[in-house]
Amino acid sequence: MKSGKVWGEAFDVCRRNGVQVNVIRVAPGYRCSRHSHRHKSNMFHVHAGALTVKVEKEYGLTDKTRLTAGQSMTVAPGEVHWFENTGIEDVVALEVYWAELDENDIERANSGGRIGE
């Protein structure tokens, strides 16, 4: 499915079993919204152009990573981030999401132990 965005367009390639893959096209001079994902990692892999991904860190700074064709990076769940195209040509990239499992998702009714005790 294709969807228009203020910054360009996104094409759904796959949504299955907790994984989502999109092809994104980002127009020159545009950026996406500043946002975070509660449970999903967000990986960018650039096919054409140069995409800058900015990630706000807990220590008050913003990491800025410029990706060119063939380069990738991943943003962890909960990290505030956005991407920008400061170049003069469209950026074409894969955007991949996957859900992170919560290591503490077990709810124990008891502590277990020896049978009969």
Foldseek 3Di string as FASTA:
>chain_A
DKDADPQFIWAWDDDDDQKTKIKTKGAAPDKDDFDFAQFKKKKKAWQAAKKWKWWQDPVGDIDIDIDHHGDMDIDGGPITMMMHHNDHGIIIIMIMMGGDDDPPPDDDPDDDDDPPD
